[in-house]
Amino acid sequence: MKTRNIFNIRSTWMAALLLIPLISACGDGGGSAIGTGPVPTILETSPLDTAIAVPINSNVAATFSAAMNSTSINTTNFTVVGAGETALAGTVSLDAASNTATFNPTGNMTVSKLYTATLTTGVKSALGMALANNYVWSFTTGTTADTTAPTVLSTNPANAATAVVLGSTVSANFSEALAPATVNATTFTLKQGATSVAGTVSYSNKVATFTPAANLTASKVYTATLTTGITDLVAPANALAANVVWSFTTGTTATAAGPAAVNLRTAGNFVILTKTGVTNVHTSAISGNVGASPITAAAMNNVFCSEITGTIYGADAAYTGSGAVTCFAGTAADNTLVANAILDMGTAYADASGRTTPDFTELGAGNISGLTLVPGLYKWGTTVNINTNVTLSGGPNDVWIFQIAGDLIQANGTSVLLIGGALPKNIFWQVAGLTGATIGTTAVMEGVVLAAKAIAVSTTATVHGRLLAQTAVTLDQNTITQPAP
């Protein structure tokens, strides 16, 4: 009797063990399969988190890190709610090519309203893996609908560019978010003469990219075309007003040295861009656009129109300058433009600071005075000092990214020297320090400065590049010139 009971207990236990894989295969008790593989994450959203002045006819989109289960992308698991309102009615779709889910409201959103979008843990990857947590972001609508066609702000390579690296991709920066499904191999093409180039097309965060299947041929003219089949991410959608066509000529070099360049997006339309304004001791000479947001445009009053070749963009219409305001743009559309550029500045900073696998770490213990630096990704956990001239040696397509955990301090009278054809547009100084970047008296700086805090340019110093600061930019009789495209 005792033996029979032991046998029965053992048999029941073994049967339970055998049932475990069957239960796992059948589901989790909620009718959904238990997944395998990596947990999906959200790579980007449109509108961006904390975005302001969002058009009231915008769609809301999120791009995932993995292929997704389309049946889990629905109006239960993807909601958009205005403050004090019920959830918006609408439809949800998934573009499998870009892994982008889009919520299309049935009508316009309320003006000047804070909206919160939520993706729940009911959203699953194609392998059955759920989001680790609900993903929530917010944005605030403006007062008008978007009825303006998207435009191409810049291309890479630029139109008529020469000596283009054979291993290049071809990309275009747009003025606003696009409907991902409209950016494809039909609407974005590349040809060498009459021959189509094989490749793949992708879209991310206002950038469309054509990646050739093989290196381009040396010393040939290529023509890229974006068609009117491309639309923005609103309803009803606005298409490109006309096809955009540009050409470039390849060189003989297969690849560029250094990391991929940081894409500044619309922040690249500014030579000076800040969140808390610009102070200036007269007289400076500024070539390019200047912008500040969210601080009032009055925080740029001591940058006069007589000192700038370009436009001053503000978050409101409060700029007075010297009394002459012909260089100022402060309409609602201009406010949105500079607000979006500020968001793109943050994206660019995150890109530069997030690059991994540096080529050089803690070079010179933070003192790069007198050194000659080849293209690459450089990383320091300290402040970086330039006490004597430093030289960057490389070609016109080569890239330098300097990741600096502390401040950047360039001493008086020193220069960043470029040799071998190196260009300021391909040099990025990412400065995370609590003070920021300081460029000394009569010094010459080359490149794009992306600072988490302030950028101070001392008396009569010269900058060939861009000053993009999360706080303020301070000028003192300086020459600031944006780099050639």
Protein backbone atom coordinates (compact mmCIF):
# COMPACT_ATOMS: atom_id res chain seq x y z
CA MET A 1 0.00 0.00 0.00
CA LYS A 2 2.74 2.38 0.96
CA THR A 3 4.67 1.49 -2.19
CA ARG A 4 1.64 2.08 -4.38
CA ASN A 5 1.13 5.57 -2.88
CA ILE A 6 4.74 6.52 -3.51
CA PHE A 7 4.40 5.33 -7.09
CA ASN A 8 1.21 7.35 -7.62
CA ILE A 9 2.78 10.51 -6.17
CA ARG A 10 5.86 10.07 -8.34
CA SER A 11 3.73 9.47 -11.44
CA THR A 12 1.67 12.60 -10.78
CA TRP A 13 4.82 14.69 -10.30
CA MET A 14 6.36 13.38 -13.54
CA ALA A 15 3.14 14.03 -15.44
CA ALA A 16 3.14 17.63 -14.18
CA LEU A 17 6.71 18.10 -15.40
CA LEU A 18 5.76 16.77 -18.81
CA LEU A 19 2.84 19.21 -18.98
CA ILE A 20 5.01 22.30 -18.36
CA PRO A 21 6.32 22.62 -21.95
CA LEU A 22 2.79 22.00 -23.24
CA ILE A 23 1.36 24.75 -21.05
CA SER A 24 4.17 27.10 -22.13
CA ALA A 25 3.53 26.38 -25.78
CA CYS A 26 -0.21 26.89 -25.42
CA GLY A 27 -0.03 30.30 -23.76
CA ASP A 28 0.21 32.37 -20.61
CA GLY A 29 -3.35 31.92 -19.42
CA GLY A 30 -4.44 35.11 -21.14
CA GLY A 31 -4.75 33.63 -24.60
CA SER A 32 -1.40 34.99 -25.90
CA ALA A 33 1.75 33.04 -26.68
CA ILE A 34 4.78 33.26 -24.47
CA GLY A 35 7.43 34.90 -26.61
CA THR A 36 11.11 34.54 -27.21
CA GLY A 37 13.84 36.96 -28.21
CA PRO A 38 14.58 40.54 -27.11
CA VAL A 39 12.01 42.77 -25.44
CA PRO A 40 10.91 45.45 -27.95
CA THR A 41 11.61 49.09 -27.16
CA ILE A 42 10.47 52.40 -28.65
CA LEU A 43 13.20 54.09 -30.68
CA GLU A 44 11.39 57.34 -31.48
CA THR A 45 8.02 59.00 -31.49
CA SER A 46 6.20 61.65 -33.50
CA PRO A 47 5.43 64.07 -32.05
CA LEU A 48 8.47 63.95 -29.82
CA ASP A 49 8.01 63.88 -26.07
CA THR A 50 7.34 67.43 -24.74
CA ALA A 51 6.89 68.81 -28.28
CA ILE A 52 4.88 72.03 -28.48
CA ALA A 53 2.78 73.74 -31.16
CA VAL A 54 1.94 70.35 -32.70
CA PRO A 55 -0.49 70.74 -35.64
CA ILE A 56 -4.01 69.77 -34.58
CA ASN A 57 -4.39 67.38 -37.53
CA SER A 58 -1.28 65.38 -36.67
CA ASN A 59 -1.13 61.62 -36.54
CA VAL A 60 0.75 60.07 -33.62
CA ALA A 61 3.44 57.49 -34.34
CA ALA A 62 6.00 55.31 -32.57
CA THR A 63 8.86 53.32 -34.09
CA PHE A 64 9.85 50.03 -32.48
CA SER A 65 13.20 48.26 -32.22
CA ALA A 66 11.85 45.02 -33.65
CA ALA A 67 9.27 43.59 -36.02
CA MET A 68 5.89 43.75 -34.29
CA ASN A 69 2.74 41.67 -34.05
CA SER A 70 0.21 43.76 -35.99
CA THR A 71 -2.77 42.31 -34.12
CA SER A 72 -1.40 43.73 -30.86
CA ILE A 73 -1.15 47.22 -32.35
CA ASN A 74 -4.74 48.37 -31.80
CA THR A 75 -6.83 51.09 -30.18
CA THR A 76 -6.82 49.22 -26.87
CA ASN A 77 -3.02 49.12 -26.63
CA PHE A 78 -2.31 52.44 -28.36
CA THR A 79 -4.27 55.40 -26.98
CA VAL A 80 -4.09 59.19 -27.19
CA VAL A 81 -5.89 61.25 -24.54
CA GLY A 82 -6.21 65.02 -24.14
CA ALA A 83 -6.14 66.56 -20.67
CA GLY A 84 -9.66 66.42 -19.25
CA GLU A 85 -10.94 64.59 -22.33
CA THR A 86 -11.84 61.03 -23.19
CA ALA A 87 -9.50 58.96 -25.35
CA LEU A 88 -9.44 60.00 -29.00
CA ALA A 89 -11.29 57.83 -31.46
CA GLY A 90 -9.22 56.71 -34.40
CA THR A 91 -7.55 53.90 -36.26
CA VAL A 92 -4.19 52.26 -35.70
CA SER A 93 -1.91 50.84 -38.38
CA LEU A 94 1.54 49.25 -38.53
CA ASP A 95 4.11 49.87 -41.25
CA ALA A 96 6.12 46.65 -41.22
CA ALA A 97 9.01 48.07 -43.25
CA SER A 98 9.88 50.68 -40.63
CA ASN A 99 8.29 48.96 -37.58
CA THR A 100 6.22 52.11 -37.05
CA ALA A 101 2.76 52.16 -35.48
CA THR A 102 0.53 55.14 -36.33
CA PHE A 103 -2.59 56.36 -34.54
CA ASN A 104 -4.81 58.32 -36.93
CA PRO A 105 -7.47 60.32 -35.03
CA THR A 106 -10.92 60.50 -36.63
CA GLY A 107 -10.85 64.29 -36.32
CA ASN A 108 -8.61 67.16 -35.35
CA MET A 109 -7.26 67.43 -31.83
CA THR A 110 -8.23 70.30 -29.53
CA VAL A 111 -6.16 73.45 -29.87
CA SER A 112 -3.57 74.27 -27.19
CA LYS A 113 -4.18 71.00 -25.37
CA LEU A 114 -1.74 68.67 -23.58
CA TYR A 115 -2.09 65.16 -25.00
CA THR A 116 -0.69 61.93 -23.60
CA ALA A 117 0.00 58.91 -25.81
CA THR A 118 0.34 55.44 -24.29
CA LEU A 119 1.54 52.11 -25.64
CA THR A 120 0.64 49.36 -23.17
CA THR A 121 2.33 46.08 -22.37
CA GLY A 122 -0.29 44.47 -24.56
CA VAL A 123 1.89 45.53 -27.52
CA LYS A 124 4.04 42.58 -28.59
CA SER A 125 6.80 41.81 -31.02
CA ALA A 126 6.39 39.36 -33.87
CA LEU A 127 8.14 36.84 -31.58
CA GLY A 128 5.56 37.40 -28.85
CA MET A 129 7.64 39.55 -26.50
CA ALA A 130 5.69 42.33 -24.75
CA LEU A 131 6.90 45.82 -23.91
CA ALA A 132 8.57 45.73 -20.49
CA ASN A 133 6.41 48.62 -19.25
CA ASN A 134 3.77 50.95 -20.59
CA TYR A 135 5.45 53.60 -22.74
CA VAL A 136 4.04 57.10 -22.21
CA TRP A 137 4.86 60.44 -23.82
CA SER A 138 3.16 63.83 -24.05
CA PHE A 139 2.94 66.80 -26.40
CA THR A 140 0.98 70.03 -26.68
CA THR A 141 -1.02 71.05 -29.72
CA GLY A 142 -0.83 74.44 -31.38
CA THR A 143 -3.73 76.40 -32.81
CA THR A 144 -3.72 75.42 -36.49
CA ALA A 145 -3.74 72.42 -38.79
CA ASP A 146 -0.77 71.59 -41.00
CA THR A 147 -1.63 72.31 -44.63
CA THR A 148 1.94 72.89 -45.79
CA ALA A 149 3.85 70.47 -48.01
CA PRO A 150 7.01 68.97 -46.48
CA THR A 151 10.26 70.29 -47.89
CA VAL A 152 13.80 68.95 -48.16
CA LEU A 153 16.10 71.02 -45.97
CA SER A 154 19.37 69.39 -46.96
CA THR A 155 20.82 66.35 -48.66
CA ASN A 156 23.90 64.24 -48.15
CA PRO A 157 25.80 64.30 -50.45
CA ALA A 158 24.89 67.88 -51.24
CA ASN A 159 23.81 68.84 -54.74
CA ALA A 160 26.85 69.15 -57.05
CA ALA A 161 29.16 67.61 -54.44
CA THR A 162 32.35 66.09 -55.82
CA ALA A 163 34.80 63.44 -54.61
CA VAL A 164 31.98 61.63 -52.82
CA VAL A 165 33.12 58.49 -51.02
CA LEU A 166 32.18 55.31 -52.90
CA GLY A 167 30.72 53.67 -49.80
CA SER A 168 28.34 56.55 -49.12
CA THR A 169 24.66 56.35 -48.36
CA VAL A 170 22.38 59.02 -49.81
CA SER A 171 20.01 60.85 -47.48
CA ALA A 172 17.63 63.79 -47.25
CA ASN A 173 16.56 65.78 -44.18
CA PHE A 174 12.92 66.86 -44.23
CA SER A 175 11.21 69.80 -42.60
CA GLU A 176 8.73 67.62 -40.72
CA ALA A 177 7.84 64.04 -39.86
CA LEU A 178 6.81 61.85 -42.80
CA ALA A 179 4.40 58.97 -43.17
CA PRO A 180 6.96 56.11 -43.10
CA ALA A 181 5.10 53.93 -45.57
CA THR A 182 5.43 56.64 -48.25
CA VAL A 183 9.24 56.53 -48.11
CA ASN A 184 10.15 53.49 -50.16
CA ALA A 185 12.04 52.19 -53.18
CA THR A 186 9.48 53.77 -55.52
CA THR A 187 9.56 57.28 -54.03
CA PHE A 188 13.33 57.44 -53.36
CA THR A 189 15.59 56.31 -56.20
CA LEU A 190 19.23 56.63 -57.25
CA LYS A 191 20.54 56.36 -60.82
CA GLN A 192 23.88 56.45 -62.54
CA GLY A 193 22.94 57.85 -65.92
CA ALA A 194 19.86 55.86 -66.98
CA THR A 195 20.75 52.85 -64.84
CA SER A 196 18.96 52.38 -61.53
CA VAL A 197 21.13 51.61 -58.52
CA ALA A 198 20.05 48.66 -56.39
CA GLY A 199 19.62 49.43 -52.73
CA THR A 200 17.31 49.71 -49.74
CA VAL A 201 15.33 52.70 -48.49
CA SER A 202 14.73 53.50 -44.84
CA TYR A 203 13.18 56.35 -42.87
CA SER A 204 13.80 57.61 -39.34
CA ASN A 205 13.11 60.90 -37.56
CA LYS A 206 12.64 63.14 -40.61
CA VAL A 207 15.54 61.53 -42.51
CA ALA A 208 15.11 59.34 -45.59
CA THR A 209 18.13 57.19 -46.48
CA PHE A 210 19.03 55.21 -49.59
CA THR A 211 21.68 52.55 -48.90
CA PRO A 212 23.24 51.16 -52.11
CA ALA A 213 23.61 47.37 -52.26
CA ALA A 214 27.27 47.82 -53.28
CA ASN A 215 29.81 50.63 -53.41
CA LEU A 216 29.22 53.27 -56.05
CA THR A 217 31.45 53.42 -59.12
CA ALA A 218 34.40 55.81 -59.08
CA SER A 219 34.29 59.12 -60.94
CA LYS A 220 30.64 58.89 -61.99
CA VAL A 221 27.70 61.28 -61.78
CA TYR A 222 24.74 59.98 -59.74
CA THR A 223 21.24 61.44 -59.56
CA ALA A 224 18.88 60.98 -56.61
CA THR A 225 15.14 61.59 -56.84
CA LEU A 226 12.43 62.00 -54.21
CA THR A 227 8.92 61.93 -55.68
CA THR A 228 5.63 63.52 -54.77
CA GLY A 229 4.52 60.14 -53.45
CA ILE A 230 6.17 61.16 -50.17
CA THR A 231 3.75 62.73 -47.67
CA ASP A 232 3.86 64.15 -44.18
CA LEU A 233 2.32 62.56 -41.08
CA VAL A 234 -0.96 64.50 -40.83
CA ALA A 235 -4.53 63.93 -42.03
CA PRO A 236 -5.24 64.83 -44.71
CA ALA A 237 -1.62 64.30 -45.75
CA ASN A 238 0.43 66.91 -47.58
CA ALA A 239 2.67 65.60 -50.36
CA LEU A 240 5.94 67.02 -51.64
CA ALA A 241 4.97 69.88 -53.94
CA ALA A 242 7.31 68.62 -56.69
CA ASN A 243 9.93 65.96 -57.24
CA VAL A 244 13.25 66.81 -55.59
CA VAL A 245 16.26 65.91 -57.75
CA TRP A 246 19.96 66.37 -57.04
CA SER A 247 23.24 65.05 -58.40
CA PHE A 248 26.75 64.41 -57.17
CA THR A 249 30.01 63.00 -58.49
CA THR A 250 31.95 60.19 -56.86
CA GLY A 251 35.65 60.28 -56.20
CA THR A 252 38.01 57.34 -55.95
CA THR A 253 38.10 56.71 -52.18
CA ALA A 254 36.07 53.76 -50.96
CA THR A 255 35.34 54.90 -47.40
CA ALA A 256 35.66 57.94 -45.18
CA ALA A 257 37.72 57.75 -42.01
CA GLY A 258 36.14 58.17 -38.62
CA PRO A 259 32.58 57.60 -37.42
CA ALA A 260 29.42 58.59 -39.25
CA ALA A 261 28.71 62.30 -38.99
CA VAL A 262 26.16 63.54 -36.46
CA ASN A 263 22.93 64.46 -38.22
CA LEU A 264 21.91 67.88 -36.90
CA ARG A 265 18.56 67.84 -38.70
CA THR A 266 16.90 71.27 -38.49
CA ALA A 267 19.41 72.41 -35.85
CA GLY A 268 21.82 72.49 -38.78
CA ASN A 269 19.90 75.48 -40.14
CA PHE A 270 21.35 77.60 -37.32
CA VAL A 271 24.83 78.88 -36.63
CA ILE A 272 23.81 79.75 -33.05
CA LEU A 273 20.98 77.97 -31.23
CA THR A 274 20.19 78.15 -27.51
CA LYS A 275 17.47 77.52 -24.97
CA THR A 276 18.17 80.55 -22.76
CA GLY A 277 19.31 83.28 -25.14
CA VAL A 278 22.38 85.03 -26.53
CA THR A 279 24.36 87.84 -24.93
CA ASN A 280 26.67 89.91 -27.12
CA VAL A 281 29.23 92.66 -26.78
CA HIS A 282 29.20 94.69 -30.01
CA THR A 283 30.25 94.41 -32.66
CA SER A 284 30.15 90.76 -33.75
CA ALA A 285 29.86 89.35 -37.29
CA ILE A 286 27.52 86.37 -37.53
CA SER A 287 26.98 84.41 -40.73
CA GLY A 288 23.91 82.18 -40.47
CA ASN A 289 20.65 82.01 -38.54
CA VAL A 290 20.32 82.55 -34.80
CA GLY A 291 17.54 81.12 -32.63
CA ALA A 292 16.43 80.76 -29.02
CA SER A 293 13.56 78.83 -27.44
CA PRO A 294 11.69 78.46 -25.14
CA ILE A 295 12.99 81.71 -23.63
CA THR A 296 11.47 84.92 -24.97
CA ALA A 297 13.01 86.39 -28.11
CA ALA A 298 13.92 89.45 -26.06
CA ALA A 299 16.82 87.34 -24.75
CA MET A 300 18.53 87.99 -28.10
CA ASN A 301 18.02 91.77 -28.11
CA ASN A 302 21.72 92.61 -28.05
CA VAL A 303 22.36 90.71 -31.26
CA PHE A 304 21.60 93.46 -33.79
CA CYS A 305 20.40 92.99 -37.35
CA SER A 306 23.46 94.94 -38.49
CA GLU A 307 25.67 92.15 -37.10
CA ILE A 308 24.01 89.17 -38.76
CA THR A 309 23.79 87.75 -42.26
CA GLY A 310 20.77 85.55 -41.71
CA THR A 311 17.60 85.52 -39.63
CA ILE A 312 16.92 85.66 -35.90
CA TYR A 313 14.13 83.23 -34.92
CA GLY A 314 12.31 83.57 -31.61
CA ALA A 315 9.81 81.74 -29.44
CA ASP A 316 7.61 84.85 -29.53
CA ALA A 317 7.53 88.29 -31.17
CA ALA A 318 9.37 90.15 -28.38
CA TYR A 319 12.69 90.85 -30.17
CA THR A 320 13.50 94.59 -30.40
CA GLY A 321 17.27 94.62 -31.03
CA SER A 322 18.61 98.06 -31.80
CA GLY A 323 15.18 99.13 -32.99
CA ALA A 324 15.78 97.62 -36.41
CA VAL A 325 14.01 94.26 -36.60
CA THR A 326 14.19 93.44 -40.31
CA CYS A 327 16.26 90.33 -39.56
CA PHE A 328 13.73 88.93 -37.08
CA ALA A 329 11.11 86.23 -37.64
CA GLY A 330 8.60 85.82 -34.83
CA THR A 331 5.33 84.54 -36.28
CA ALA A 332 3.66 81.40 -34.96
CA ALA A 333 5.26 79.38 -37.77
CA ASP A 334 8.68 80.80 -36.87
CA ASN A 335 8.10 79.94 -33.20
CA THR A 336 7.40 76.35 -34.21
CA LEU A 337 10.44 76.25 -36.47
CA VAL A 338 12.86 77.22 -33.72
CA ALA A 339 11.12 74.99 -31.15
CA ASN A 340 11.58 72.01 -33.46
CA ALA A 341 15.22 72.96 -34.03
CA ILE A 342 15.75 72.91 -30.26
CA LEU A 343 14.34 69.38 -30.13
CA ASP A 344 16.61 68.36 -33.01
CA MET A 345 19.57 69.88 -31.16
CA GLY A 346 18.77 67.56 -28.27
CA THR A 347 18.55 64.59 -30.62
CA ALA A 348 21.92 65.47 -32.15
CA TYR A 349 23.50 65.83 -28.71
CA ALA A 350 22.16 62.42 -27.70
CA ASP A 351 23.53 60.93 -30.92
CA ALA A 352 27.01 62.36 -30.35
CA SER A 353 27.12 61.40 -26.66
CA GLY A 354 25.71 57.94 -27.29
CA ARG A 355 28.33 56.71 -29.76
CA THR A 356 30.17 53.66 -28.51
CA THR A 357 33.51 51.93 -29.19
CA PRO A 358 35.79 54.99 -29.16
CA ASP A 359 38.99 54.88 -31.16
CA PHE A 360 40.83 56.86 -28.48
CA THR A 361 40.08 57.02 -24.75
CA GLU A 362 41.48 59.60 -22.30
CA LEU A 363 44.05 60.79 -24.86
CA GLY A 364 46.59 63.07 -23.20
CA ALA A 365 44.64 62.77 -19.94
CA GLY A 366 42.41 65.51 -21.35
CA ASN A 367 45.21 67.80 -22.56
CA ILE A 368 45.31 67.69 -26.38
CA SER A 369 47.59 70.72 -26.73
CA GLY A 370 50.06 70.37 -29.60
CA LEU A 371 48.65 67.06 -30.81
CA THR A 372 47.71 66.07 -34.36
CA LEU A 373 44.45 64.13 -34.32
CA VAL A 374 43.35 61.74 -37.04
CA PRO A 375 39.64 61.13 -37.74
CA GLY A 376 37.84 59.04 -35.13
CA LEU A 377 35.70 58.88 -32.03
CA TYR A 378 37.48 60.31 -28.98
CA LYS A 379 36.23 59.93 -25.41
CA TRP A 380 37.24 61.61 -22.14
CA GLY A 381 35.83 61.32 -18.64
CA THR A 382 37.42 64.68 -17.78
CA THR A 383 37.63 68.26 -18.96
CA VAL A 384 39.54 68.76 -22.22
CA ASN A 385 42.08 71.57 -22.48
CA ILE A 386 43.57 73.15 -25.60
CA ASN A 387 46.51 75.20 -24.31
CA THR A 388 48.44 75.34 -27.59
CA ASN A 389 47.37 74.72 -31.17
CA VAL A 390 45.80 71.33 -31.95
CA THR A 391 45.71 69.97 -35.52
CA LEU A 392 43.04 67.80 -37.15
CA SER A 393 44.47 65.95 -40.15
CA GLY A 394 42.12 64.28 -42.61
CA GLY A 395 40.16 64.57 -45.84
CA PRO A 396 36.92 66.43 -46.68
CA ASN A 397 34.73 63.40 -45.91
CA ASP A 398 36.45 62.36 -42.68
CA VAL A 399 34.73 62.80 -39.30
CA TRP A 400 35.81 63.61 -35.74
CA ILE A 401 33.55 63.25 -32.70
CA PHE A 402 34.89 64.37 -29.33
CA GLN A 403 32.90 63.07 -26.35
CA ILE A 404 33.84 65.21 -23.34
CA ALA A 405 32.35 64.41 -19.92
CA GLY A 406 33.75 67.62 -18.43
CA ASP A 407 34.17 71.09 -19.92
CA LEU A 408 36.02 72.19 -23.05
CA ILE A 409 38.51 74.98 -22.42
CA GLN A 410 40.42 76.58 -25.30
CA ALA A 411 43.12 78.97 -24.17
CA ASN A 412 43.63 82.51 -25.43
CA GLY A 413 45.33 82.83 -28.79
CA THR A 414 45.17 79.15 -29.68
CA SER A 415 43.78 77.56 -32.84
CA VAL A 416 42.21 74.34 -33.98
CA LEU A 417 44.04 73.82 -37.28
CA LEU A 418 42.64 71.79 -40.19
CA ILE A 419 44.92 70.13 -42.73
CA GLY A 420 44.44 67.69 -45.59
CA GLY A 421 41.08 69.13 -46.59
CA ALA A 422 39.30 68.50 -43.26
CA LEU A 423 36.05 70.49 -42.96
CA PRO A 424 34.38 72.12 -39.93
CA LYS A 425 31.00 70.52 -40.74
CA ASN A 426 32.49 67.09 -39.95
CA ILE A 427 33.89 68.00 -36.51
CA PHE A 428 31.68 67.61 -33.43
CA TRP A 429 32.60 68.70 -29.90
CA GLN A 430 30.05 67.14 -27.50
CA VAL A 431 30.54 68.83 -24.13
CA ALA A 432 28.71 67.49 -21.06
CA GLY A 433 30.41 69.59 -18.35
CA LEU A 434 28.55 71.73 -15.83
CA THR A 435 30.09 74.93 -17.23
CA GLY A 436 30.25 74.02 -20.91
CA ALA A 437 32.64 75.25 -23.58
CA THR A 438 34.91 78.29 -23.28
CA ILE A 439 36.75 79.65 -26.31
CA GLY A 440 39.52 82.04 -25.31
CA THR A 441 40.38 85.55 -26.47
CA THR A 442 41.49 85.68 -30.14
CA ALA A 443 41.26 81.87 -30.33
CA VAL A 444 40.07 80.07 -33.48
CA MET A 445 37.66 77.16 -33.08
CA GLU A 446 36.67 74.78 -35.88
CA GLY A 447 33.60 72.57 -35.78
CA VAL A 448 30.17 72.13 -34.27
CA VAL A 449 30.00 72.62 -30.49
CA LEU A 450 27.13 70.70 -28.85
CA ALA A 451 27.05 71.73 -25.20
CA ALA A 452 24.79 70.48 -22.41
CA LYS A 453 25.29 73.86 -20.74
CA ALA A 454 26.69 77.20 -21.97
CA ILE A 455 29.12 78.24 -24.69
CA ALA A 456 31.23 81.33 -23.95
CA VAL A 457 33.20 82.90 -26.81
CA SER A 458 35.76 85.40 -25.51
CA THR A 459 36.83 88.73 -27.02
CA THR A 460 37.52 88.69 -30.79
CA ALA A 461 37.62 84.89 -30.99
CA THR A 462 36.59 83.25 -34.28
CA VAL A 463 34.40 80.20 -34.82
CA HIS A 464 34.04 78.33 -38.09
CA GLY A 465 31.20 75.99 -37.22
CA ARG A 466 28.07 76.12 -35.06
CA LEU A 467 27.33 76.94 -31.43
CA LEU A 468 24.46 74.77 -30.18
CA ALA A 469 23.91 75.19 -26.44
CA GLN A 470 21.34 73.77 -24.03
CA THR A 471 21.62 77.01 -22.01
CA ALA A 472 23.15 80.31 -23.20
CA VAL A 473 25.70 81.49 -25.76
CA THR A 474 27.88 84.48 -24.84
CA LEU A 475 29.62 86.55 -27.54
CA ASP A 476 32.16 89.37 -27.36
CA GLN A 477 33.06 91.03 -30.68
CA ASN A 478 33.32 87.65 -32.38
CA THR A 479 33.23 86.30 -35.92
CA ILE A 480 30.93 83.27 -36.13
CA THR A 481 30.66 81.65 -39.56
CA GLN A 482 28.52 78.62 -40.38
CA PRO A 483 30.33 75.84 -42.24
CA ALA A 484 29.88 75.24 -45.94
CA PRO A 485 27.48 72.34 -46.67
